[in-house]
Amino acid sequence: MSSIELSSGPIGYQDTGGNGPVLVFGHGVPMDGAQWRKVVPLLDGYRCILPTLPLGGHLRPMEPGADLSHRGVARLLGEFIERLGLDDVTLVLNDWGGGQFLVLEEQGRRVARMVLVACEAFDNYPPGPAKALAAVCRIPGGLRLLTQLMRIPAVRSHPKGYGGMSRRGLPDEIVKGWFSPATRNKDIRRDFAKFATSAPDRETLLDWSRQLSGFDRPVLVVWATEDPLMPPEHGPRLADLYPKGQLVEITDSSTLVPEDQPEKLAAVVKDFLRRTGADPSTGAPSEGG
């Protein structure tokens, strides 16, 4: 894994390299690029970049004063894209939806299109069942206790927790790996708790959402029909929010569509990319947004 020093601290990332159109992937809490391990190999011809954002699964802590709010992490993602000199970027999100707010920042000019896969939207930050995690993080010592509990396989796979994010079931070693950094390092726990408790009030979230309607570039919204975390009505509503939004629904999937339906997801993403000017076989737009 490569690493780059940003203003708030180090960011590790994976980069498949190549000269194809650039896709930058976000991830959930406290996940990392392993969330996309089934999808990236299906995206031949694209340069896929997977930063590990400071959402609790990162290996090295941020600076103590780092802004790890949703907008702060979105700006950090923008700084990452800028420092790597990336343009005409396709931003791909799943679970964590705060990356959308990057397009409200100056660095958002580098984002040419977005793919929003079963992610937080509107006032659903954090999603209903995940509000308990935020509550735990507000209690002194609460997150440390949670990370210890997550060492128990039955807790990691519980259907009311991370086990419910996939209809196929998440590999135990993957979930264990996501929680390992916070289990071992108190500064990672500090970052984790800072982000998990950062969601603003409902009116602020809805105001930010209204501002997103100013993003006039192509947006693909992919929604899972059996998702317990992201409300079913948010998919069509999110696609309608963006002037060039379009909706695709995928059945037999929970929140982690890259886990449950990687082939279907890769197919709809590639179709969207080709139709909106990111076709690696031609190097030129095949159709307008």
Protein backbone atom coordinates (compact mmCIF):
# COMPACT_ATOMS: atom_id res chain seq x y z
CA MET A 1 0.00 0.00 0.00
CA SER A 2 1.21 3.50 -0.86
CA SER A 3 0.92 6.47 1.49
CA ILE A 4 0.74 10.24 1.17
CA GLU A 5 1.06 12.92 3.86
CA LEU A 6 -1.83 15.36 3.83
CA SER A 7 -2.53 18.39 6.01
CA SER A 8 -4.39 16.27 8.58
CA GLY A 9 -2.09 13.28 8.52
CA PRO A 10 -1.12 10.24 6.44
CA ILE A 11 -3.50 8.50 4.06
CA GLY A 12 -2.73 5.01 2.82
CA TYR A 13 -4.11 3.95 -0.53
CA GLN A 14 -4.13 1.28 -3.20
CA ASP A 15 -3.70 2.22 -6.86
CA THR A 16 -4.15 -0.23 -9.72
CA GLY A 17 -2.28 2.18 -12.00
CA GLY A 18 -2.57 2.53 -15.75
CA ASN A 19 -3.71 5.28 -18.06
CA GLY A 20 -7.44 4.55 -18.02
CA PRO A 21 -10.17 6.79 -16.61
CA VAL A 22 -9.74 7.34 -12.87
CA LEU A 23 -12.17 5.96 -10.28
CA VAL A 24 -11.70 6.95 -6.62
CA PHE A 25 -13.54 4.76 -4.13
CA GLY A 26 -14.86 5.69 -0.70
CA HIS A 27 -15.77 3.18 2.00
CA GLY A 28 -17.82 2.73 5.14
CA VAL A 29 -17.09 2.84 8.86
CA PRO A 30 -14.58 1.52 9.90
CA MET A 31 -13.86 -0.16 6.57
CA ASP A 32 -11.17 0.12 3.88
CA GLY A 33 -10.58 -0.86 0.26
CA ALA A 34 -11.40 -4.50 1.01
CA GLN A 35 -15.03 -3.38 0.70
CA TRP A 36 -14.41 -3.22 -3.08
CA ARG A 37 -12.21 -6.31 -3.49
CA LYS A 38 -14.83 -8.17 -5.59
CA VAL A 39 -15.61 -5.21 -7.88
CA VAL A 40 -12.24 -3.69 -8.77
CA PRO A 41 -11.00 -6.79 -10.67
CA LEU A 42 -14.10 -6.49 -12.89
CA LEU A 43 -13.22 -2.94 -13.97
CA ASP A 44 -10.54 -3.71 -16.55
CA GLY A 45 -9.11 -0.64 -18.24
CA TYR A 46 -9.85 1.73 -15.37
CA ARG A 47 -7.38 3.14 -12.88
CA CYS A 48 -8.92 2.37 -9.50
CA ILE A 49 -7.66 4.26 -6.45
CA LEU A 50 -8.79 3.21 -2.99
CA PRO A 51 -7.76 5.50 -0.13
CA THR A 52 -8.23 4.32 3.44
CA LEU A 53 -9.99 7.31 4.96
CA PRO A 54 -9.77 8.06 8.71
CA LEU A 55 -13.10 6.43 9.57
CA GLY A 56 -11.67 4.01 12.11
CA GLY A 57 -10.11 1.33 9.91
CA HIS A 58 -7.00 3.38 9.05
CA LEU A 59 -3.58 2.13 10.15
CA ARG A 60 -1.95 5.43 11.16
CA PRO A 61 -3.69 8.11 13.25
CA MET A 62 -4.43 11.62 12.07
CA GLU A 63 -3.14 14.78 13.70
CA PRO A 64 -4.97 15.44 17.00
CA GLY A 65 -6.61 18.60 15.64
CA ALA A 66 -7.74 17.06 12.35
CA ASP A 67 -11.26 17.89 11.20
CA LEU A 68 -12.86 14.45 10.93
CA SER A 69 -16.43 15.60 10.48
CA HIS A 70 -18.28 14.49 7.34
CA ARG A 71 -17.38 17.73 5.57
CA GLY A 72 -13.85 17.55 6.96
CA VAL A 73 -13.26 14.04 5.61
CA ALA A 74 -14.80 15.08 2.27
CA ARG A 75 -12.30 17.95 2.09
CA LEU A 76 -9.50 15.53 3.02
CA LEU A 77 -10.61 13.30 0.15
CA GLY A 78 -10.50 16.34 -2.12
CA GLU A 79 -6.99 17.16 -0.93
CA PHE A 80 -5.98 13.56 -1.63
CA ILE A 81 -7.33 13.79 -5.20
CA GLU A 82 -5.62 17.15 -5.70
CA ARG A 83 -2.25 16.00 -4.35
CA LEU A 84 -2.26 13.00 -6.68
CA GLY A 85 -2.94 15.37 -9.58
CA LEU A 86 -6.15 13.61 -10.58
CA ASP A 87 -8.75 15.19 -12.86
CA ASP A 88 -11.95 13.98 -14.53
CA VAL A 89 -12.44 11.71 -11.51
CA THR A 90 -15.37 9.38 -10.98
CA LEU A 91 -16.14 9.32 -7.25
CA VAL A 92 -17.65 6.00 -6.14
CA LEU A 93 -19.26 5.74 -2.70
CA ASN A 94 -20.97 2.96 -0.73
CA ASP A 95 -22.33 3.13 2.82
CA TRP A 96 -20.59 6.39 3.80
CA GLY A 97 -22.35 9.16 1.89
CA GLY A 98 -20.41 12.16 3.17
CA GLY A 99 -18.09 12.03 0.16
CA GLN A 100 -20.89 13.71 -1.79
CA PHE A 101 -20.13 16.92 0.07
CA LEU A 102 -16.80 17.14 -1.76
CA VAL A 103 -18.66 18.61 -4.73
CA LEU A 104 -19.64 21.57 -2.52
CA GLU A 105 -15.95 22.37 -2.01
CA GLU A 106 -13.50 24.05 -4.40
CA GLN A 107 -11.72 20.72 -5.00
CA GLY A 108 -15.00 19.31 -6.30
CA ARG A 109 -14.12 20.74 -9.71
CA ARG A 110 -12.00 17.60 -10.21
CA VAL A 111 -15.04 15.31 -9.87
CA ALA A 112 -16.56 14.63 -13.29
CA ARG A 113 -19.25 12.20 -12.16
CA MET A 114 -20.39 10.22 -9.13
CA VAL A 115 -21.61 6.70 -8.46
CA LEU A 116 -23.60 6.57 -5.21
CA VAL A 117 -24.21 3.01 -4.08
CA ALA A 118 -26.64 2.45 -1.17
CA CYS A 119 -25.16 5.30 0.86
CA GLU A 120 -26.13 7.84 3.48
CA ALA A 121 -28.18 10.71 2.13
CA PHE A 122 -30.39 13.60 3.26
CA ASP A 123 -30.85 13.32 7.05
CA ASN A 124 -29.76 9.66 7.30
CA TYR A 125 -26.36 10.38 8.92
CA PRO A 126 -25.70 7.98 10.53
CA PRO A 127 -28.27 5.38 9.39
CA GLY A 128 -30.81 4.37 12.03
CA PRO A 129 -29.16 1.22 13.44
CA ALA A 130 -25.76 2.92 13.37
CA LYS A 131 -26.95 5.65 15.72
CA ALA A 132 -26.19 3.24 18.55
CA LEU A 133 -22.54 3.27 17.50
CA ALA A 134 -22.45 7.06 17.73
CA ALA A 135 -24.03 6.87 21.19
CA VAL A 136 -21.39 4.37 22.34
CA CYS A 137 -18.63 6.64 21.03
CA ARG A 138 -19.89 9.50 23.21
CA ILE A 139 -19.44 7.45 26.40
CA PRO A 140 -15.94 7.58 27.93
CA GLY A 141 -14.36 4.20 27.24
CA GLY A 142 -17.36 3.11 25.17
CA LEU A 143 -15.50 2.65 21.89
CA ARG A 144 -12.72 0.71 23.60
CA LEU A 145 -15.34 -1.67 25.01
CA LEU A 146 -16.97 -1.98 21.59
CA THR A 147 -13.70 -2.87 19.87
CA GLN A 148 -13.10 -5.54 22.49
CA LEU A 149 -16.58 -6.96 21.90
CA MET A 150 -15.90 -7.00 18.16
CA ARG A 151 -13.16 -9.53 18.80
CA ILE A 152 -15.95 -12.05 19.41
CA PRO A 153 -17.03 -13.73 16.12
CA ALA A 154 -20.70 -13.90 17.12
CA VAL A 155 -20.74 -10.13 17.72
CA ARG A 156 -19.00 -9.39 14.42
CA SER A 157 -21.54 -11.44 12.47
CA HIS A 158 -24.71 -10.43 14.34
CA PRO A 159 -27.55 -9.62 11.89
CA LYS A 160 -28.42 -6.46 13.83
CA GLY A 161 -24.88 -5.20 13.31
CA TYR A 162 -22.28 -5.64 10.60
CA GLY A 163 -23.63 -9.07 9.74
CA GLY A 164 -26.80 -7.41 8.45
CA MET A 165 -24.93 -5.29 5.92
CA SER A 166 -24.60 -8.24 3.55
CA ARG A 167 -27.15 -10.87 2.57
CA ARG A 168 -24.28 -13.22 1.73
CA GLY A 169 -22.48 -12.78 5.01
CA LEU A 170 -19.20 -10.94 5.39
CA PRO A 171 -16.01 -13.01 5.71
CA ASP A 172 -15.08 -12.95 9.37
CA GLU A 173 -11.44 -12.10 8.67
CA ILE A 174 -12.51 -9.01 6.72
CA VAL A 175 -14.64 -7.58 9.56
CA LYS A 176 -12.00 -8.47 12.12
CA GLY A 177 -9.42 -6.61 10.02
CA TRP A 178 -11.62 -3.51 9.84
CA PHE A 179 -11.77 -3.26 13.64
CA SER A 180 -8.18 -4.30 14.37
CA PRO A 181 -6.56 -0.83 14.09
CA ALA A 182 -8.95 0.71 16.63
CA THR A 183 -8.58 -2.32 18.89
CA ARG A 184 -4.82 -1.85 19.04
CA ASN A 185 -4.36 1.93 18.96
CA LYS A 186 -5.99 4.53 21.21
CA ASP A 187 -5.28 7.34 18.72
CA ILE A 188 -7.15 5.43 16.01
CA ARG A 189 -10.02 5.08 18.50
CA ARG A 190 -9.86 8.84 19.03
CA ASP A 191 -10.22 9.40 15.28
CA PHE A 192 -12.97 6.78 15.02
CA ALA A 193 -14.99 8.40 17.81
CA LYS A 194 -14.43 11.90 16.43
CA PHE A 195 -15.90 10.91 13.07
CA ALA A 196 -18.69 8.71 14.45
CA THR A 197 -20.04 11.57 16.59
CA SER A 198 -19.65 14.32 13.97
CA ALA A 199 -23.02 14.30 12.18
CA PRO A 200 -24.67 17.72 12.41
CA ASP A 201 -28.34 18.32 13.13
CA ARG A 202 -31.10 17.38 10.70
CA GLU A 203 -31.66 20.88 9.34
CA THR A 204 -27.98 21.30 8.53
CA LEU A 205 -27.90 17.96 6.73
CA LEU A 206 -30.96 18.82 4.68
CA ASP A 207 -29.50 22.22 3.80
CA TRP A 208 -26.28 20.57 2.57
CA SER A 209 -28.39 18.13 0.56
CA ARG A 210 -30.26 20.96 -1.14
CA GLN A 211 -26.93 22.47 -2.16
CA LEU A 212 -25.93 19.20 -3.85
CA SER A 213 -28.54 19.89 -6.52
CA GLY A 214 -26.05 22.37 -7.99
CA PHE A 215 -23.80 19.50 -9.14
CA ASP A 216 -24.74 19.35 -12.82
CA ARG A 217 -22.54 16.44 -13.88
CA PRO A 218 -23.67 12.81 -14.29
CA VAL A 219 -24.64 10.86 -11.18
CA LEU A 220 -25.55 7.17 -11.03
CA VAL A 221 -27.54 6.13 -7.95
CA VAL A 222 -27.50 2.38 -7.29
CA TRP A 223 -29.92 1.29 -4.58
CA ALA A 224 -30.32 -2.09 -2.89
CA THR A 225 -33.89 -3.30 -2.53
CA GLU A 226 -33.29 -5.25 0.72
CA ASP A 227 -31.20 -2.67 2.54
CA PRO A 228 -32.00 -2.24 6.27
CA LEU A 229 -29.87 0.91 6.63
CA MET A 230 -30.69 3.12 3.66
CA PRO A 231 -34.42 3.93 3.22
CA PRO A 232 -35.85 2.62 -0.07
CA GLU A 233 -37.32 6.02 -0.94
CA HIS A 234 -33.90 7.67 -0.71
CA GLY A 235 -32.72 6.03 -3.95
CA PRO A 236 -35.28 7.70 -6.26
CA ARG A 237 -35.14 10.89 -4.21
CA LEU A 238 -31.35 11.08 -4.52
CA ALA A 239 -31.46 10.46 -8.27
CA ASP A 240 -34.05 13.25 -8.60
CA LEU A 241 -31.93 15.63 -6.53
CA TYR A 242 -29.13 15.72 -9.09
CA PRO A 243 -29.96 17.36 -12.46
CA LYS A 244 -28.25 14.50 -14.33
CA GLY A 245 -29.09 11.73 -11.88
CA GLN A 246 -30.25 8.27 -12.84
CA LEU A 247 -31.37 5.34 -10.72
CA VAL A 248 -30.66 1.61 -10.94
CA GLU A 249 -32.10 -0.75 -8.32
CA ILE A 250 -30.38 -4.04 -7.54
CA THR A 251 -32.31 -6.88 -5.94
CA ASP A 252 -31.09 -9.51 -3.49
CA SER A 253 -28.64 -7.16 -1.82
CA SER A 254 -28.18 -5.35 1.45
CA THR A 255 -26.11 -2.20 2.01
CA LEU A 256 -22.84 -3.68 0.81
CA VAL A 257 -23.80 -4.15 -2.82
CA PRO A 258 -20.10 -4.67 -3.73
CA GLU A 259 -20.24 -7.75 -1.49
CA ASP A 260 -23.64 -9.12 -2.45
CA GLN A 261 -23.87 -8.32 -6.17
CA PRO A 262 -20.39 -7.39 -7.47
CA GLU A 263 -21.00 -8.56 -11.06
CA LYS A 264 -24.28 -6.65 -11.41
CA LEU A 265 -22.76 -3.57 -9.82
CA ALA A 266 -19.67 -3.64 -12.05
CA ALA A 267 -21.87 -4.03 -15.14
CA VAL A 268 -24.11 -1.02 -14.37
CA VAL A 269 -21.10 1.09 -13.39
CA LYS A 270 -19.23 0.30 -16.61
CA ASP A 271 -22.33 1.05 -18.68
CA PHE A 272 -22.73 4.41 -16.92
CA LEU A 273 -19.06 5.28 -17.36
CA ARG A 274 -19.08 4.48 -21.07
CA ARG A 275 -22.21 6.56 -21.63
CA THR A 276 -20.84 9.58 -19.78
CA GLY A 277 -17.43 9.92 -21.39
CA ALA A 278 -15.22 7.53 -19.41
CA ASP A 279 -14.74 4.69 -21.89
CA PRO A 280 -11.23 3.17 -21.58
CA SER A 281 -11.47 1.53 -25.00
CA THR A 282 -11.77 4.84 -26.87
CA GLY A 283 -10.26 7.46 -24.59
CA ALA A 284 -13.02 9.81 -25.74
CA PRO A 285 -16.60 10.51 -24.72
CA SER A 286 -19.09 8.12 -26.29
CA GLU A 287 -22.11 10.16 -25.24
CA GLY A 288 -22.87 13.29 -23.27
CA GLY A 289 -23.88 13.26 -19.59
